[in-house]
Amino acid sequence: MKKFENKITSMPFDGKGKMVEYAWLALQCVQSPKEGGFDVAEMDKRLRLVKSFTDVESSPIELEDADFDKLKELVTTNKWAVIHQDIVDFVKYVETL
């Protein structure tokens, strides 16, 4: 089991003062399609992660080792549409777990 801290970033999430959390960044990686889309086996692996990072109410989030390995793979290979230090910090955090 790995423990994933749901840290709060300095990136605004909405216009109401909510800030982006690490769980949301993780979901962006998990839900980004690979080239050619998803087959059912890939969907199944990723859906386990979607459940872990959706409607998070507590931290840390506990992940099975296989789920964490998949998350790490997705985070470290994800392409981002924006440049922000909090994204760099998020990726480095996941790499160190």
N, C-alpha and C. Protein backbone atom coordinates (compact mmCIF):
# COMPACT_ATOMS: atom_id res chain seq x y z
N MET A 1 0.84 -1.18 0.00
CA MET A 1 0.00 0.00 0.00
C MET A 1 0.88 1.25 0.00
N LYS A 2 0.46 2.21 -0.78
CA LYS A 2 1.12 3.51 -0.82
C LYS A 2 0.12 4.55 -0.32
N LYS A 3 0.65 5.55 0.34
CA LYS A 3 -0.20 6.65 0.83
C LYS A 3 0.09 7.89 -0.01
N PHE A 4 -0.96 8.41 -0.62
CA PHE A 4 -0.88 9.56 -1.51
C PHE A 4 -1.49 10.76 -0.80
N GLU A 5 -0.67 11.74 -0.50
CA GLU A 5 -1.16 12.95 0.17
C GLU A 5 -1.88 13.84 -0.84
N ASN A 6 -3.08 14.23 -0.52
CA ASN A 6 -3.86 15.10 -1.41
C ASN A 6 -3.55 16.57 -1.11
N LYS A 7 -2.38 16.99 -1.53
CA LYS A 7 -1.92 18.35 -1.25
C LYS A 7 -2.72 19.37 -2.06
N ILE A 8 -2.78 20.58 -1.53
CA ILE A 8 -3.46 21.68 -2.21
C ILE A 8 -2.40 22.54 -2.88
N THR A 9 -2.63 22.88 -4.14
CA THR A 9 -1.69 23.69 -4.90
C THR A 9 -2.06 25.17 -4.80
N SER A 10 -1.29 26.00 -5.48
CA SER A 10 -1.60 27.43 -5.55
C SER A 10 -2.35 27.77 -6.84
N MET A 11 -2.77 26.74 -7.59
CA MET A 11 -3.50 26.96 -8.85
C MET A 11 -4.99 27.07 -8.57
N PRO A 12 -5.63 28.15 -9.03
CA PRO A 12 -7.07 28.29 -8.82
C PRO A 12 -7.87 27.22 -9.58
N PHE A 13 -8.86 26.64 -8.91
CA PHE A 13 -9.71 25.63 -9.53
C PHE A 13 -10.95 26.26 -10.13
N ASP A 14 -11.49 27.22 -9.43
CA ASP A 14 -12.70 27.90 -9.90
C ASP A 14 -12.62 29.36 -9.47
N GLY A 15 -13.59 30.12 -9.80
CA GLY A 15 -13.59 31.52 -9.43
C GLY A 15 -14.09 31.79 -8.03
N LYS A 16 -14.24 30.74 -7.24
CA LYS A 16 -14.81 30.88 -5.90
C LYS A 16 -13.77 30.65 -4.80
N GLY A 17 -12.50 30.64 -5.16
CA GLY A 17 -11.43 30.50 -4.17
C GLY A 17 -10.94 29.08 -3.95
N LYS A 18 -11.55 28.10 -4.58
CA LYS A 18 -11.07 26.72 -4.43
C LYS A 18 -9.79 26.54 -5.23
N MET A 19 -8.85 25.80 -4.66
CA MET A 19 -7.57 25.56 -5.32
C MET A 19 -7.48 24.11 -5.80
N VAL A 20 -6.69 23.90 -6.84
CA VAL A 20 -6.49 22.56 -7.39
C VAL A 20 -5.78 21.68 -6.35
N GLU A 21 -6.25 20.46 -6.22
CA GLU A 21 -5.65 19.46 -5.32
C GLU A 21 -4.90 18.42 -6.14
N TYR A 22 -3.98 17.73 -5.51
CA TYR A 22 -3.22 16.67 -6.18
C TYR A 22 -4.14 15.58 -6.75
N ALA A 23 -5.25 15.29 -6.06
CA ALA A 23 -6.18 14.27 -6.57
C ALA A 23 -6.72 14.67 -7.93
N TRP A 24 -7.00 15.96 -8.12
CA TRP A 24 -7.51 16.43 -9.41
C TRP A 24 -6.43 16.31 -10.49
N LEU A 25 -5.19 16.64 -10.15
CA LEU A 25 -4.10 16.48 -11.12
C LEU A 25 -3.92 15.01 -11.49
N ALA A 26 -4.04 14.14 -10.49
CA ALA A 26 -3.94 12.70 -10.76
C ALA A 26 -5.05 12.26 -11.72
N LEU A 27 -6.27 12.75 -11.50
CA LEU A 27 -7.38 12.40 -12.38
C LEU A 27 -7.13 12.86 -13.82
N GLN A 28 -6.50 14.01 -13.98
CA GLN A 28 -6.21 14.50 -15.33
C GLN A 28 -5.29 13.52 -16.05
N CYS A 29 -4.33 12.97 -15.34
CA CYS A 29 -3.41 11.99 -15.94
C CYS A 29 -4.13 10.68 -16.24
N VAL A 30 -4.94 10.23 -15.31
CA VAL A 30 -5.65 8.95 -15.45
C VAL A 30 -6.65 9.02 -16.61
N GLN A 31 -7.30 10.15 -16.80
CA GLN A 31 -8.34 10.25 -17.81
C GLN A 31 -7.83 10.71 -19.17
N SER A 32 -6.54 11.02 -19.27
CA SER A 32 -5.97 11.40 -20.57
C SER A 32 -5.83 10.15 -21.42
N PRO A 33 -6.42 10.16 -22.61
CA PRO A 33 -6.35 8.95 -23.43
C PRO A 33 -4.97 8.73 -24.03
N LYS A 34 -4.60 7.48 -24.11
CA LYS A 34 -3.37 7.16 -24.82
C LYS A 34 -3.68 7.17 -26.32
N GLU A 35 -2.66 7.21 -27.12
CA GLU A 35 -2.87 7.23 -28.56
C GLU A 35 -3.69 6.01 -28.98
N GLY A 36 -4.75 6.25 -29.72
CA GLY A 36 -5.60 5.15 -30.16
C GLY A 36 -6.75 4.85 -29.20
N GLY A 37 -6.79 5.53 -28.05
CA GLY A 37 -7.88 5.33 -27.12
C GLY A 37 -7.61 4.25 -26.09
N PHE A 38 -8.67 3.77 -25.46
CA PHE A 38 -8.58 2.79 -24.37
C PHE A 38 -9.18 1.46 -24.79
N ASP A 39 -8.50 0.36 -24.48
CA ASP A 39 -9.17 -0.93 -24.59
C ASP A 39 -9.79 -1.23 -23.22
N VAL A 40 -10.58 -2.26 -23.13
CA VAL A 40 -11.32 -2.55 -21.89
C VAL A 40 -10.36 -2.85 -20.74
N ALA A 41 -9.28 -3.55 -20.97
CA ALA A 41 -8.33 -3.86 -19.90
C ALA A 41 -7.73 -2.58 -19.33
N GLU A 42 -7.39 -1.64 -20.22
CA GLU A 42 -6.84 -0.36 -19.78
C GLU A 42 -7.89 0.44 -19.01
N MET A 43 -9.12 0.43 -19.50
CA MET A 43 -10.21 1.12 -18.80
C MET A 43 -10.36 0.58 -17.38
N ASP A 44 -10.32 -0.73 -17.25
CA ASP A 44 -10.49 -1.37 -15.95
C ASP A 44 -9.41 -0.90 -14.97
N LYS A 45 -8.16 -0.86 -15.40
CA LYS A 45 -7.06 -0.40 -14.54
C LYS A 45 -7.26 1.05 -14.14
N ARG A 46 -7.63 1.87 -15.11
CA ARG A 46 -7.78 3.30 -14.84
C ARG A 46 -9.02 3.61 -14.01
N LEU A 47 -10.09 2.84 -14.18
CA LEU A 47 -11.30 3.08 -13.40
C LEU A 47 -11.07 2.88 -11.90
N ARG A 48 -10.18 1.97 -11.56
CA ARG A 48 -9.83 1.78 -10.14
C ARG A 48 -9.22 3.07 -9.59
N LEU A 49 -8.39 3.73 -10.39
CA LEU A 49 -7.78 4.99 -9.98
C LEU A 49 -8.80 6.12 -9.95
N VAL A 50 -9.69 6.15 -10.93
CA VAL A 50 -10.73 7.18 -10.95
C VAL A 50 -11.53 7.12 -9.64
N LYS A 51 -11.89 5.92 -9.22
CA LYS A 51 -12.64 5.78 -7.97
C LYS A 51 -11.85 6.29 -6.77
N SER A 52 -10.54 6.05 -6.78
CA SER A 52 -9.70 6.48 -5.66
C SER A 52 -9.59 7.99 -5.55
N PHE A 53 -9.63 8.68 -6.69
CA PHE A 53 -9.38 10.11 -6.70
C PHE A 53 -10.63 10.97 -6.92
N THR A 54 -11.80 10.36 -6.97
CA THR A 54 -13.05 11.10 -7.15
C THR A 54 -13.72 11.32 -5.80
N ASP A 55 -14.18 12.54 -5.58
CA ASP A 55 -14.88 12.91 -4.34
C ASP A 55 -14.05 12.56 -3.09
N VAL A 56 -12.80 12.96 -3.13
CA VAL A 56 -11.88 12.68 -2.01
C VAL A 56 -12.28 13.54 -0.81
N GLU A 57 -12.43 12.89 0.33
CA GLU A 57 -12.80 13.61 1.54
C GLU A 57 -11.72 13.57 2.60
N SER A 58 -10.73 12.70 2.43
CA SER A 58 -9.67 12.62 3.43
C SER A 58 -8.33 12.37 2.75
N SER A 59 -7.29 12.64 3.48
CA SER A 59 -5.94 12.42 3.00
C SER A 59 -5.17 11.80 4.15
N PRO A 60 -4.30 10.86 3.93
CA PRO A 60 -3.85 10.38 2.62
C PRO A 60 -4.83 9.40 1.98
N ILE A 61 -4.68 9.27 0.68
CA ILE A 61 -5.44 8.30 -0.10
C ILE A 61 -4.58 7.05 -0.19
N GLU A 62 -5.14 5.91 0.20
CA GLU A 62 -4.37 4.66 0.16
C GLU A 62 -4.58 3.97 -1.18
N LEU A 63 -3.47 3.59 -1.81
CA LEU A 63 -3.50 2.91 -3.11
C LEU A 63 -2.79 1.58 -3.02
N GLU A 64 -3.38 0.56 -3.64
CA GLU A 64 -2.69 -0.72 -3.77
C GLU A 64 -1.43 -0.49 -4.61
N ASP A 65 -0.42 -1.33 -4.41
CA ASP A 65 0.85 -1.15 -5.13
C ASP A 65 0.67 -1.14 -6.64
N ALA A 66 -0.15 -2.04 -7.18
CA ALA A 66 -0.36 -2.10 -8.63
C ALA A 66 -1.05 -0.83 -9.13
N ASP A 67 -2.00 -0.31 -8.35
CA ASP A 67 -2.67 0.93 -8.72
C ASP A 67 -1.68 2.10 -8.70
N PHE A 68 -0.84 2.13 -7.67
CA PHE A 68 0.14 3.20 -7.61
C PHE A 68 1.13 3.12 -8.78
N ASP A 69 1.57 1.92 -9.11
CA ASP A 69 2.49 1.77 -10.25
C ASP A 69 1.87 2.30 -11.53
N LYS A 70 0.59 2.04 -11.73
CA LYS A 70 -0.12 2.55 -12.92
C LYS A 70 -0.20 4.07 -12.86
N LEU A 71 -0.54 4.61 -11.69
CA LEU A 71 -0.60 6.06 -11.54
C LEU A 71 0.75 6.69 -11.87
N LYS A 72 1.80 6.14 -11.32
CA LYS A 72 3.15 6.68 -11.55
C LYS A 72 3.48 6.67 -13.04
N GLU A 73 3.17 5.59 -13.72
CA GLU A 73 3.39 5.49 -15.17
C GLU A 73 2.64 6.61 -15.90
N LEU A 74 1.37 6.80 -15.54
CA LEU A 74 0.54 7.80 -16.21
C LEU A 74 1.01 9.23 -15.91
N VAL A 75 1.38 9.48 -14.68
CA VAL A 75 1.82 10.83 -14.29
C VAL A 75 3.13 11.19 -14.97
N THR A 76 4.06 10.26 -14.99
CA THR A 76 5.39 10.57 -15.53
C THR A 76 5.41 10.65 -17.05
N THR A 77 4.39 10.15 -17.71
CA THR A 77 4.35 10.22 -19.18
C THR A 77 3.32 11.22 -19.69
N ASN A 78 2.56 11.84 -18.79
CA ASN A 78 1.51 12.77 -19.20
C ASN A 78 2.09 14.04 -19.82
N LYS A 79 1.39 14.57 -20.81
CA LYS A 79 1.72 15.85 -21.43
C LYS A 79 0.74 16.88 -20.90
N TRP A 80 1.24 18.02 -20.50
CA TRP A 80 0.42 19.05 -19.87
C TRP A 80 0.18 20.20 -20.84
N ALA A 81 -0.98 20.83 -20.74
CA ALA A 81 -1.35 21.94 -21.62
C ALA A 81 -0.91 23.29 -21.06
N VAL A 82 -0.45 23.31 -19.82
CA VAL A 82 0.00 24.55 -19.18
C VAL A 82 1.35 24.31 -18.50
N ILE A 83 2.03 25.41 -18.24
CA ILE A 83 3.29 25.35 -17.50
C ILE A 83 3.03 25.94 -16.11
N HIS A 84 3.33 25.16 -15.06
CA HIS A 84 3.13 25.67 -13.69
C HIS A 84 4.04 24.89 -12.75
N GLN A 85 4.64 25.59 -11.81
CA GLN A 85 5.54 24.96 -10.85
C GLN A 85 4.84 23.88 -10.03
N ASP A 86 3.57 24.08 -9.70
CA ASP A 86 2.85 23.08 -8.92
C ASP A 86 2.72 21.75 -9.67
N ILE A 87 2.65 21.80 -10.99
CA ILE A 87 2.61 20.55 -11.77
C ILE A 87 3.95 19.84 -11.67
N VAL A 88 5.03 20.60 -11.79
CA VAL A 88 6.37 20.01 -11.65
C VAL A 88 6.51 19.39 -10.26
N ASP A 89 6.06 20.10 -9.23
CA ASP A 89 6.13 19.58 -7.86
C ASP A 89 5.30 18.32 -7.70
N PHE A 90 4.11 18.30 -8.30
CA PHE A 90 3.24 17.12 -8.25
C PHE A 90 3.92 15.90 -8.87
N VAL A 91 4.48 16.06 -10.06
CA VAL A 91 5.15 14.94 -10.74
C VAL A 91 6.33 14.45 -9.91
N LYS A 92 7.11 15.37 -9.38
CA LYS A 92 8.26 14.98 -8.55
C LYS A 92 7.79 14.26 -7.28
N TYR A 93 6.70 14.71 -6.71
CA TYR A 93 6.14 14.05 -5.52
C TYR A 93 5.78 12.60 -5.84
N VAL A 94 5.06 12.39 -6.93
CA VAL A 94 4.66 11.03 -7.32
C VAL A 94 5.89 10.17 -7.59
N GLU A 95 6.90 10.73 -8.23
CA GLU A 95 8.11 9.96 -8.53
C GLU A 95 8.84 9.52 -7.26
N THR A 96 8.71 10.27 -6.17
CA THR A 96 9.43 9.92 -4.94
C THR A 96 8.68 8.94 -4.04
N LEU A 97 7.42 8.67 -4.32
CA LEU A 97 6.65 7.74 -3.47
C LEU A 97 7.12 6.31 -3.68
